[in-house]
ModelCIF file with pLDDT and N, C-alpha, C, O atoms, coordinates in Angstrom:
data_MODEL
#
_entry.id   MODEL 
#
_entity.id                         1 
_entity.type                       polymer 
_entity.pdbx_number_of_molecules   1 
#
_entity_poly.entity_id                      1 
_entity_poly.type                           'polypeptide(L)' 
_entity_poly.nstd_linkage                   no 
_entity_poly.nstd_monomer                   no 
_entity_poly.pdbx_seq_one_letter_code       ESVFRMKDGSIVLPCDASSRGHGGTAIHLSTDNGQTWTDPGGKLA 
_entity_poly.pdbx_seq_one_letter_code_can   ESVFRMKDGSIVLPCDASSRGHGGTAIHLSTDNGQTWTDPGGKLA 
_entity_poly.pdbx_strand_id                 A 
#
loop_
_entity_poly_seq.entity_id 
_entity_poly_seq.num 
_entity_poly_seq.mon_id 
_entity_poly_seq.hetero 
1 1  GLU n 
1 2  SER n 
1 3  VAL n 
1 4  PHE n 
1 5  ARG n 
1 6  MET n 
1 7  LYS n 
1 8  ASP n 
1 9  GLY n 
1 10 SER n 
1 11 ILE n 
1 12 VAL n 
1 13 LEU n 
1 14 PRO n 
1 15 CYS n 
1 16 ASP n 
1 17 ALA n 
1 18 SER n 
1 19 SER n 
1 20 ARG n 
1 21 GLY n 
1 22 HIS n 
1 23 GLY n 
1 24 GLY n 
1 25 THR n 
1 26 ALA n 
1 27 ILE n 
1 28 HIS n 
1 29 LEU n 
1 30 SER n 
1 31 THR n 
1 32 ASP n 
1 33 ASN n 
1 34 GLY n 
1 35 GLN n 
1 36 THR n 
1 37 TRP n 
1 38 THR n 
1 39 ASP n 
1 40 PRO n 
1 41 GLY n 
1 42 GLY n 
1 43 LYS n 
1 44 LEU n 
1 45 ALA n 
#
_struct_asym.id          A 
_struct_asym.entity_id   1 
#
loop_
_ma_qa_metric.id 
_ma_qa_metric.mode 
_ma_qa_metric.name 
_ma_qa_metric.software_group_id 
_ma_qa_metric.type 
1 global pLDDT . pLDDT 
2 local  pLDDT . pLDDT 
#
_ma_qa_metric_global.metric_id      1 
_ma_qa_metric_global.metric_value   96.42 
_ma_qa_metric_global.model_id       1 
_ma_qa_metric_global.ordinal_id     1 
#
loop_
_ma_qa_metric_local.label_asym_id 
_ma_qa_metric_local.label_comp_id 
_ma_qa_metric_local.label_seq_id 
_ma_qa_metric_local.metric_id 
_ma_qa_metric_local.metric_value 
_ma_qa_metric_local.model_id 
_ma_qa_metric_local.ordinal_id 
A GLU 1  2 93.00 1 1  
A SER 2  2 92.00 1 2  
A VAL 3  2 97.00 1 3  
A PHE 4  2 98.00 1 4  
A ARG 5  2 98.00 1 5  
A MET 6  2 98.00 1 6  
A LYS 7  2 97.00 1 7  
A ASP 8  2 97.00 1 8  
A GLY 9  2 97.00 1 9  
A SER 10 2 98.00 1 10 
A ILE 11 2 98.00 1 11 
A VAL 12 2 98.00 1 12 
A LEU 13 2 98.00 1 13 
A PRO 14 2 98.00 1 14 
A CYS 15 2 98.00 1 15 
A ASP 16 2 97.00 1 16 
A ALA 17 2 96.00 1 17 
A SER 18 2 94.00 1 18 
A SER 19 2 92.00 1 19 
A ARG 20 2 91.00 1 20 
A GLY 21 2 90.00 1 21 
A HIS 22 2 93.00 1 22 
A GLY 23 2 95.00 1 23 
A GLY 24 2 97.00 1 24 
A THR 25 2 98.00 1 25 
A ALA 26 2 98.00 1 26 
A ILE 27 2 98.00 1 27 
A HIS 28 2 98.00 1 28 
A LEU 29 2 98.00 1 29 
A SER 30 2 98.00 1 30 
A THR 31 2 97.00 1 31 
A ASP 32 2 96.00 1 32 
A ASN 33 2 94.00 1 33 
A GLY 34 2 95.00 1 34 
A GLN 35 2 95.00 1 35 
A THR 36 2 97.00 1 36 
A TRP 37 2 98.00 1 37 
A THR 38 2 97.00 1 38 
A ASP 39 2 97.00 1 39 
A PRO 40 2 98.00 1 40 
A GLY 41 2 97.00 1 41 
A GLY 42 2 98.00 1 42 
A LYS 43 2 97.00 1 43 
A LEU 44 2 97.00 1 44 
A ALA 45 2 98.00 1 45 
#
loop_
_atom_site.group_PDB 
_atom_site.id 
_atom_site.type_symbol 
_atom_site.label_atom_id 
_atom_site.label_alt_id 
_atom_site.label_comp_id 
_atom_site.label_asym_id 
_atom_site.label_entity_id 
_atom_site.label_seq_id 
_atom_site.pdbx_PDB_ins_code 
_atom_site.Cartn_x 
_atom_site.Cartn_y 
_atom_site.Cartn_z 
_atom_site.occupancy 
_atom_site.B_iso_or_equiv 
_atom_site.pdbx_formal_charge 
_atom_site.auth_seq_id 
_atom_site.auth_comp_id 
_atom_site.auth_asym_id 
_atom_site.auth_atom_id 
_atom_site.pdbx_PDB_model_num 
ATOM 1   N N  . GLU A 1 1  ? 1.432   9.277  -3.300  1.00 93.00 ? 1  GLU A N  1 
ATOM 2   C CA . GLU A 1 1  ? 0.516   9.728  -4.268  1.00 93.00 ? 1  GLU A CA 1 
ATOM 3   C C  . GLU A 1 1  ? 0.803   8.806  -5.642  1.00 93.00 ? 1  GLU A C  1 
ATOM 4   O O  . GLU A 1 1  ? 1.423   9.185  -6.636  1.00 93.00 ? 1  GLU A O  1 
ATOM 5   N N  . SER A 1 2  ? 0.174   7.469  -5.424  1.00 92.00 ? 2  SER A N  1 
ATOM 6   C CA . SER A 1 2  ? 0.290   6.538  -6.231  1.00 92.00 ? 2  SER A CA 1 
ATOM 7   C C  . SER A 1 2  ? -0.754  5.411  -6.041  1.00 92.00 ? 2  SER A C  1 
ATOM 8   O O  . SER A 1 2  ? -0.443  4.221  -5.988  1.00 92.00 ? 2  SER A O  1 
ATOM 9   N N  . VAL A 1 3  ? -2.087  5.910  -5.936  1.00 97.00 ? 3  VAL A N  1 
ATOM 10  C CA . VAL A 1 3  ? -3.148  5.133  -5.464  1.00 97.00 ? 3  VAL A CA 1 
ATOM 11  C C  . VAL A 1 3  ? -3.722  4.474  -6.779  1.00 97.00 ? 3  VAL A C  1 
ATOM 12  O O  . VAL A 1 3  ? -3.748  5.186  -7.783  1.00 97.00 ? 3  VAL A O  1 
ATOM 13  N N  . PHE A 1 4  ? -4.168  3.221  -6.859  1.00 98.00 ? 4  PHE A N  1 
ATOM 14  C CA . PHE A 1 4  ? -4.753  2.714  -7.942  1.00 98.00 ? 4  PHE A CA 1 
ATOM 15  C C  . PHE A 1 4  ? -5.475  1.426  -7.736  1.00 98.00 ? 4  PHE A C  1 
ATOM 16  O O  . PHE A 1 4  ? -5.257  0.889  -6.650  1.00 98.00 ? 4  PHE A O  1 
ATOM 17  N N  . ARG A 1 5  ? -6.263  0.836  -8.526  1.00 98.00 ? 5  ARG A N  1 
ATOM 18  C CA . ARG A 1 5  ? -7.145  -0.187 -8.183  1.00 98.00 ? 5  ARG A CA 1 
ATOM 19  C C  . ARG A 1 5  ? -6.612  -1.468 -9.297  1.00 98.00 ? 5  ARG A C  1 
ATOM 20  O O  . ARG A 1 5  ? -6.501  -1.297 -10.511 1.00 98.00 ? 5  ARG A O  1 
ATOM 21  N N  . MET A 1 6  ? -6.326  -2.739 -8.584  1.00 98.00 ? 6  MET A N  1 
ATOM 22  C CA . MET A 1 6  ? -6.030  -3.685 -9.112  1.00 98.00 ? 6  MET A CA 1 
ATOM 23  C C  . MET A 1 6  ? -6.868  -4.437 -10.092 1.00 98.00 ? 6  MET A C  1 
ATOM 24  O O  . MET A 1 6  ? -8.066  -4.161 -10.036 1.00 98.00 ? 6  MET A O  1 
ATOM 25  N N  . LYS A 1 7  ? -6.528  -5.279 -10.931 1.00 97.00 ? 7  LYS A N  1 
ATOM 26  C CA . LYS A 1 7  ? -7.461  -6.060 -11.627 1.00 97.00 ? 7  LYS A CA 1 
ATOM 27  C C  . LYS A 1 7  ? -8.616  -6.874 -11.076 1.00 97.00 ? 7  LYS A C  1 
ATOM 28  O O  . LYS A 1 7  ? -9.641  -7.136 -11.705 1.00 97.00 ? 7  LYS A O  1 
ATOM 29  N N  . ASP A 1 8  ? -8.316  -7.281 -9.721  1.00 97.00 ? 8  ASP A N  1 
ATOM 30  C CA . ASP A 1 8  ? -9.189  -8.039 -9.081  1.00 97.00 ? 8  ASP A CA 1 
ATOM 31  C C  . ASP A 1 8  ? -10.162 -7.216 -8.098  1.00 97.00 ? 8  ASP A C  1 
ATOM 32  O O  . ASP A 1 8  ? -11.032 -7.694 -7.371  1.00 97.00 ? 8  ASP A O  1 
ATOM 33  N N  . GLY A 1 9  ? -9.777  -5.757 -8.262  1.00 97.00 ? 9  GLY A N  1 
ATOM 34  C CA . GLY A 1 9  ? -10.796 -4.888 -7.605  1.00 97.00 ? 9  GLY A CA 1 
ATOM 35  C C  . GLY A 1 9  ? -9.906  -4.342 -6.380  1.00 97.00 ? 9  GLY A C  1 
ATOM 36  O O  . GLY A 1 9  ? -10.165 -3.201 -5.998  1.00 97.00 ? 9  GLY A O  1 
ATOM 37  N N  . SER A 1 10 ? -9.045  -4.939 -5.833  1.00 98.00 ? 10 SER A N  1 
ATOM 38  C CA . SER A 1 10 ? -8.200  -4.423 -4.713  1.00 98.00 ? 10 SER A CA 1 
ATOM 39  C C  . SER A 1 10 ? -7.621  -3.121 -4.905  1.00 98.00 ? 10 SER A C  1 
ATOM 40  O O  . SER A 1 10 ? -7.056  -2.840 -5.962  1.00 98.00 ? 10 SER A O  1 
ATOM 41  N N  . ILE A 1 11 ? -7.727  -2.297 -3.941  1.00 98.00 ? 11 ILE A N  1 
ATOM 42  C CA . ILE A 1 11 ? -7.120  -0.803 -3.890  1.00 98.00 ? 11 ILE A CA 1 
ATOM 43  C C  . ILE A 1 11 ? -5.798  -0.937 -3.281  1.00 98.00 ? 11 ILE A C  1 
ATOM 44  O O  . ILE A 1 11 ? -5.654  -1.640 -2.281  1.00 98.00 ? 11 ILE A O  1 
ATOM 45  N N  . VAL A 1 12 ? -4.903  -0.360 -3.774  1.00 98.00 ? 12 VAL A N  1 
ATOM 46  C CA . VAL A 1 12 ? -3.547  -0.252 -3.407  1.00 98.00 ? 12 VAL A CA 1 
ATOM 47  C C  . VAL A 1 12 ? -3.199  1.238  -2.877  1.00 98.00 ? 12 VAL A C  1 
ATOM 48  O O  . VAL A 1 12 ? -3.415  2.207  -3.605  1.00 98.00 ? 12 VAL A O  1 
ATOM 49  N N  . LEU A 1 13 ? -2.729  1.361  -1.764  1.00 98.00 ? 13 LEU A N  1 
ATOM 50  C CA . LEU A 1 13 ? -2.235  2.687  -1.106  1.00 98.00 ? 13 LEU A CA 1 
ATOM 51  C C  . LEU A 1 13 ? -0.875  2.536  -0.744  1.00 98.00 ? 13 LEU A C  1 
ATOM 52  O O  . LEU A 1 13 ? -0.579  1.958  0.302   1.00 98.00 ? 13 LEU A O  1 
ATOM 53  N N  . PRO A 1 14 ? 0.088   3.057  -1.603  1.00 98.00 ? 14 PRO A N  1 
ATOM 54  C CA . PRO A 1 14 ? 1.448   3.121  -0.982  1.00 98.00 ? 14 PRO A CA 1 
ATOM 55  C C  . PRO A 1 14 ? 1.603   4.064  0.243   1.00 98.00 ? 14 PRO A C  1 
ATOM 56  O O  . PRO A 1 14 ? 0.871   5.034  0.437   1.00 98.00 ? 14 PRO A O  1 
ATOM 57  N N  . CYS A 1 15 ? 2.542   3.718  0.983   1.00 98.00 ? 15 CYS A N  1 
ATOM 58  C CA . CYS A 1 15 ? 2.962   4.509  2.331   1.00 98.00 ? 15 CYS A CA 1 
ATOM 59  C C  . CYS A 1 15 ? 4.456   4.234  2.507   1.00 98.00 ? 15 CYS A C  1 
ATOM 60  O O  . CYS A 1 15 ? 4.947   3.108  2.424   1.00 98.00 ? 15 CYS A O  1 
ATOM 61  N N  . ASP A 1 16 ? 5.128   5.341  2.754   1.00 97.00 ? 16 ASP A N  1 
ATOM 62  C CA . ASP A 1 16 ? 6.600   5.366  3.263   1.00 97.00 ? 16 ASP A CA 1 
ATOM 63  C C  . ASP A 1 16 ? 6.522   4.312  4.325   1.00 97.00 ? 16 ASP A C  1 
ATOM 64  O O  . ASP A 1 16 ? 5.614   4.197  5.147   1.00 97.00 ? 16 ASP A O  1 
ATOM 65  N N  . ALA A 1 17 ? 7.655   3.506  4.199   1.00 96.00 ? 17 ALA A N  1 
ATOM 66  C CA . ALA A 1 17 ? 7.781   2.392  5.412   1.00 96.00 ? 17 ALA A CA 1 
ATOM 67  C C  . ALA A 1 17 ? 8.958   2.928  6.373   1.00 96.00 ? 17 ALA A C  1 
ATOM 68  O O  . ALA A 1 17 ? 9.329   2.201  7.294   1.00 96.00 ? 17 ALA A O  1 
ATOM 69  N N  . SER A 1 18 ? 9.608   4.310  6.153   1.00 94.00 ? 18 SER A N  1 
ATOM 70  C CA . SER A 1 18 ? 10.509  4.820  6.917   1.00 94.00 ? 18 SER A CA 1 
ATOM 71  C C  . SER A 1 18 ? 10.356  6.423  7.103   1.00 94.00 ? 18 SER A C  1 
ATOM 72  O O  . SER A 1 18 ? 9.910   7.089  6.169   1.00 94.00 ? 18 SER A O  1 
ATOM 73  N N  . SER A 1 19 ? 10.675  6.936  8.137   1.00 92.00 ? 19 SER A N  1 
ATOM 74  C CA . SER A 1 19 ? 10.617  8.399  8.257   1.00 92.00 ? 19 SER A CA 1 
ATOM 75  C C  . SER A 1 19 ? 11.963  8.823  7.697   1.00 92.00 ? 19 SER A C  1 
ATOM 76  O O  . SER A 1 19 ? 12.153  10.039 7.678   1.00 92.00 ? 19 SER A O  1 
ATOM 77  N N  . ARG A 1 20 ? 12.911  8.058  7.249   1.00 91.00 ? 20 ARG A N  1 
ATOM 78  C CA . ARG A 1 20 ? 14.417  8.625  6.755   1.00 91.00 ? 20 ARG A CA 1 
ATOM 79  C C  . ARG A 1 20 ? 14.122  8.876  5.275   1.00 91.00 ? 20 ARG A C  1 
ATOM 80  O O  . ARG A 1 20 ? 13.040  8.677  4.721   1.00 91.00 ? 20 ARG A O  1 
ATOM 81  N N  . GLY A 1 21 ? 15.219  9.333  4.730   1.00 90.00 ? 21 GLY A N  1 
ATOM 82  C CA . GLY A 1 21 ? 15.482  9.623  3.241   1.00 90.00 ? 21 GLY A CA 1 
ATOM 83  C C  . GLY A 1 21 ? 15.606  7.949  2.562   1.00 90.00 ? 21 GLY A C  1 
ATOM 84  O O  . GLY A 1 21 ? 15.761  7.776  1.353   1.00 90.00 ? 21 GLY A O  1 
ATOM 85  N N  . HIS A 1 22 ? 15.529  7.031  3.354   1.00 93.00 ? 22 HIS A N  1 
ATOM 86  C CA . HIS A 1 22 ? 15.719  5.673  2.581   1.00 93.00 ? 22 HIS A CA 1 
ATOM 87  C C  . HIS A 1 22 ? 14.812  4.758  3.546   1.00 93.00 ? 22 HIS A C  1 
ATOM 88  O O  . HIS A 1 22 ? 14.259  5.178  4.562   1.00 93.00 ? 22 HIS A O  1 
ATOM 89  N N  . GLY A 1 23 ? 14.753  3.527  3.094   1.00 95.00 ? 23 GLY A N  1 
ATOM 90  C CA . GLY A 1 23 ? 14.083  2.509  3.947   1.00 95.00 ? 23 GLY A CA 1 
ATOM 91  C C  . GLY A 1 23 ? 12.837  1.824  3.424   1.00 95.00 ? 23 GLY A C  1 
ATOM 92  O O  . GLY A 1 23 ? 12.229  0.950  4.043   1.00 95.00 ? 23 GLY A O  1 
ATOM 93  N N  . GLY A 1 24 ? 12.488  2.329  2.146   1.00 97.00 ? 24 GLY A N  1 
ATOM 94  C CA . GLY A 1 24 ? 11.386  1.605  1.427   1.00 97.00 ? 24 GLY A CA 1 
ATOM 95  C C  . GLY A 1 24 ? 9.972   2.089  1.620   1.00 97.00 ? 24 GLY A C  1 
ATOM 96  O O  . GLY A 1 24 ? 9.679   2.960  2.440   1.00 97.00 ? 24 GLY A O  1 
ATOM 97  N N  . THR A 1 25 ? 9.095   1.478  0.816   1.00 98.00 ? 25 THR A N  1 
ATOM 98  C CA . THR A 1 25 ? 7.799   1.768  0.599   1.00 98.00 ? 25 THR A CA 1 
ATOM 99  C C  . THR A 1 25 ? 7.028   0.682  0.887   1.00 98.00 ? 25 THR A C  1 
ATOM 100 O O  . THR A 1 25 ? 7.325   -0.345 0.277   1.00 98.00 ? 25 THR A O  1 
ATOM 101 N N  . ALA A 1 26 ? 5.891   0.621  1.843   1.00 98.00 ? 26 ALA A N  1 
ATOM 102 C CA . ALA A 1 26 ? 5.000   -0.197 2.190   1.00 98.00 ? 26 ALA A CA 1 
ATOM 103 C C  . ALA A 1 26 ? 3.691   -0.222 1.058   1.00 98.00 ? 26 ALA A C  1 
ATOM 104 O O  . ALA A 1 26 ? 3.623   0.630  0.172   1.00 98.00 ? 26 ALA A O  1 
ATOM 105 N N  . ILE A 1 27 ? 2.919   -1.046 1.174   1.00 98.00 ? 27 ILE A N  1 
ATOM 106 C CA . ILE A 1 27 ? 1.741   -0.865 0.408   1.00 98.00 ? 27 ILE A CA 1 
ATOM 107 C C  . ILE A 1 27 ? 0.658   -1.472 1.412   1.00 98.00 ? 27 ILE A C  1 
ATOM 108 O O  . ILE A 1 27 ? 0.948   -2.348 2.226   1.00 98.00 ? 27 ILE A O  1 
ATOM 109 N N  . HIS A 1 28 ? -0.749  -0.868 1.265   1.00 98.00 ? 28 HIS A N  1 
ATOM 110 C CA . HIS A 1 28 ? -1.582  -1.303 2.056   1.00 98.00 ? 28 HIS A CA 1 
ATOM 111 C C  . HIS A 1 28 ? -2.872  -1.658 0.909   1.00 98.00 ? 28 HIS A C  1 
ATOM 112 O O  . HIS A 1 28 ? -3.155  -1.055 -0.126  1.00 98.00 ? 28 HIS A O  1 
ATOM 113 N N  . LEU A 1 29 ? -3.432  -2.707 1.446   1.00 98.00 ? 29 LEU A N  1 
ATOM 114 C CA . LEU A 1 29 ? -4.641  -3.242 0.411   1.00 98.00 ? 29 LEU A CA 1 
ATOM 115 C C  . LEU A 1 29 ? -5.920  -3.360 1.216   1.00 98.00 ? 29 LEU A C  1 
ATOM 116 O O  . LEU A 1 29 ? -6.074  -3.799 2.355   1.00 98.00 ? 29 LEU A O  1 
ATOM 117 N N  . SER A 1 30 ? -6.999  -2.752 0.166   1.00 98.00 ? 30 SER A N  1 
ATOM 118 C CA . SER A 1 30 ? -8.374  -2.925 0.701   1.00 98.00 ? 30 SER A CA 1 
ATOM 119 C C  . SER A 1 30 ? -9.208  -3.798 -0.365  1.00 98.00 ? 30 SER A C  1 
ATOM 120 O O  . SER A 1 30 ? -9.224  -3.398 -1.528  1.00 98.00 ? 30 SER A O  1 
ATOM 121 N N  . THR A 1 31 ? -9.818  -4.831 -0.061  1.00 97.00 ? 31 THR A N  1 
ATOM 122 C CA . THR A 1 31 ? -10.584 -5.699 -0.724  1.00 97.00 ? 31 THR A CA 1 
ATOM 123 C C  . THR A 1 31 ? -12.099 -5.461 -0.808  1.00 97.00 ? 31 THR A C  1 
ATOM 124 O O  . THR A 1 31 ? -12.861 -6.038 -1.584  1.00 97.00 ? 31 THR A O  1 
ATOM 125 N N  . ASP A 1 32 ? -12.456 -4.453 0.177   1.00 96.00 ? 32 ASP A N  1 
ATOM 126 C CA . ASP A 1 32 ? -13.718 -4.079 0.327   1.00 96.00 ? 32 ASP A CA 1 
ATOM 127 C C  . ASP A 1 32 ? -14.161 -2.535 -0.031  1.00 96.00 ? 32 ASP A C  1 
ATOM 128 O O  . ASP A 1 32 ? -15.087 -1.929 0.507   1.00 96.00 ? 32 ASP A O  1 
ATOM 129 N N  . ASN A 1 33 ? -13.378 -2.086 -0.958  1.00 94.00 ? 33 ASN A N  1 
ATOM 130 C CA . ASN A 1 33 ? -13.687 -0.627 -1.667  1.00 94.00 ? 33 ASN A CA 1 
ATOM 131 C C  . ASN A 1 33 ? -13.292 0.304  -0.400  1.00 94.00 ? 33 ASN A C  1 
ATOM 132 O O  . ASN A 1 33 ? -13.997 1.236  -0.013  1.00 94.00 ? 33 ASN A O  1 
ATOM 133 N N  . GLY A 1 34 ? -12.255 -0.022 0.099   1.00 95.00 ? 34 GLY A N  1 
ATOM 134 C CA . GLY A 1 34 ? -11.700 1.214  0.930   1.00 95.00 ? 34 GLY A CA 1 
ATOM 135 C C  . GLY A 1 34 ? -12.338 1.056  2.562   1.00 95.00 ? 34 GLY A C  1 
ATOM 136 O O  . GLY A 1 34 ? -12.115 1.930  3.401   1.00 95.00 ? 34 GLY A O  1 
ATOM 137 N N  . GLN A 1 35 ? -12.987 0.072  2.809   1.00 95.00 ? 35 GLN A N  1 
ATOM 138 C CA . GLN A 1 35 ? -13.685 0.134  4.200   1.00 95.00 ? 35 GLN A CA 1 
ATOM 139 C C  . GLN A 1 35 ? -12.617 -0.418 5.241   1.00 95.00 ? 35 GLN A C  1 
ATOM 140 O O  . GLN A 1 35 ? -12.605 0.029  6.388   1.00 95.00 ? 35 GLN A O  1 
ATOM 141 N N  . THR A 1 36 ? -11.656 -1.466 4.797   1.00 97.00 ? 36 THR A N  1 
ATOM 142 C CA . THR A 1 36 ? -10.732 -1.997 5.857   1.00 97.00 ? 36 THR A CA 1 
ATOM 143 C C  . THR A 1 36 ? -9.599  -2.215 5.055   1.00 97.00 ? 36 THR A C  1 
ATOM 144 O O  . THR A 1 36 ? -9.673  -2.416 3.843   1.00 97.00 ? 36 THR A O  1 
ATOM 145 N N  . TRP A 1 37 ? -8.490  -2.178 5.735   1.00 98.00 ? 37 TRP A N  1 
ATOM 146 C CA . TRP A 1 37 ? -7.210  -2.381 4.901   1.00 98.00 ? 37 TRP A CA 1 
ATOM 147 C C  . TRP A 1 37 ? -6.117  -2.933 5.665   1.00 98.00 ? 37 TRP A C  1 
ATOM 148 O O  . TRP A 1 37 ? -5.926  -2.637 6.844   1.00 98.00 ? 37 TRP A O  1 
ATOM 149 N N  . THR A 1 38 ? -5.387  -3.743 4.997   1.00 97.00 ? 38 THR A N  1 
ATOM 150 C CA . THR A 1 38 ? -4.249  -4.705 5.475   1.00 97.00 ? 38 THR A CA 1 
ATOM 151 C C  . THR A 1 38 ? -2.997  -4.173 4.867   1.00 97.00 ? 38 THR A C  1 
ATOM 152 O O  . THR A 1 38 ? -2.902  -3.531 3.822   1.00 97.00 ? 38 THR A O  1 
ATOM 153 N N  . ASP A 1 39 ? -1.990  -4.564 5.738   1.00 97.00 ? 39 ASP A N  1 
ATOM 154 C CA . ASP A 1 39 ? -0.491  -4.212 5.402   1.00 97.00 ? 39 ASP A CA 1 
ATOM 155 C C  . ASP A 1 39 ? 0.127   -5.537 4.965   1.00 97.00 ? 39 ASP A C  1 
ATOM 156 O O  . ASP A 1 39 ? 0.369   -6.288 5.911   1.00 97.00 ? 39 ASP A O  1 
ATOM 157 N N  . PRO A 1 40 ? 0.424   -5.978 3.811   1.00 98.00 ? 40 PRO A N  1 
ATOM 158 C CA . PRO A 1 40 ? 1.132   -7.313 3.590   1.00 98.00 ? 40 PRO A CA 1 
ATOM 159 C C  . PRO A 1 40 ? 2.558   -7.612 4.167   1.00 98.00 ? 40 PRO A C  1 
ATOM 160 O O  . PRO A 1 40 ? 3.069   -8.727 4.274   1.00 98.00 ? 40 PRO A O  1 
ATOM 161 N N  . GLY A 1 41 ? 3.083   -6.454 4.505   1.00 97.00 ? 41 GLY A N  1 
ATOM 162 C CA . GLY A 1 41 ? 4.364   -6.653 5.378   1.00 97.00 ? 41 GLY A CA 1 
ATOM 163 C C  . GLY A 1 41 ? 5.678   -6.472 4.727   1.00 97.00 ? 41 GLY A C  1 
ATOM 164 O O  . GLY A 1 41 ? 6.697   -6.306 5.398   1.00 97.00 ? 41 GLY A O  1 
ATOM 165 N N  . GLY A 1 42 ? 5.683   -6.501 3.323   1.00 98.00 ? 42 GLY A N  1 
ATOM 166 C CA . GLY A 1 42 ? 6.915   -6.292 2.682   1.00 98.00 ? 42 GLY A CA 1 
ATOM 167 C C  . GLY A 1 42 ? 7.054   -4.612 2.238   1.00 98.00 ? 42 GLY A C  1 
ATOM 168 O O  . GLY A 1 42 ? 6.187   -3.762 2.443   1.00 98.00 ? 42 GLY A O  1 
ATOM 169 N N  . LYS A 1 43 ? 8.309   -4.406 1.618   1.00 97.00 ? 43 LYS A N  1 
ATOM 170 C CA . LYS A 1 43 ? 8.492   -3.121 1.219   1.00 97.00 ? 43 LYS A CA 1 
ATOM 171 C C  . LYS A 1 43 ? 9.277   -3.019 -0.043  1.00 97.00 ? 43 LYS A C  1 
ATOM 172 O O  . LYS A 1 43 ? 10.280  -3.732 -0.079  1.00 97.00 ? 43 LYS A O  1 
ATOM 173 N N  . LEU A 1 44 ? 9.034   -2.295 -1.064  1.00 97.00 ? 44 LEU A N  1 
ATOM 174 C CA . LEU A 1 44 ? 9.785   -2.226 -2.218  1.00 97.00 ? 44 LEU A CA 1 
ATOM 175 C C  . LEU A 1 44 ? 10.854  -1.154 -1.899  1.00 97.00 ? 44 LEU A C  1 
ATOM 176 O O  . LEU A 1 44 ? 10.674  -0.304 -1.027  1.00 97.00 ? 44 LEU A O  1 
ATOM 177 N N  . ALA A 1 45 ? 11.934  -1.234 -2.620  1.00 98.00 ? 45 ALA A N  1 
ATOM 178 C CA . ALA A 1 45 ? 13.240  -0.386 -2.237  1.00 98.00 ? 45 ALA A CA 1 
ATOM 179 C C  . ALA A 1 45 ? 12.916  1.301  -2.458  1.00 98.00 ? 45 ALA A C  1 
ATOM 180 O O  . ALA A 1 45 ? 13.790  2.135  -2.219  1.00 98.00 ? 45 ALA A O  1 
#
């Protein structure tokens, strides 16, 4: 629950990168107002 729009219009959707109690959070990005999404590949702690 942390969705927002970046200054360049991209939508950011965070998603857990692990099914355990640790392991990081990934983000998914949409540059076409939510029609398609990409996973940059990293994860925050």
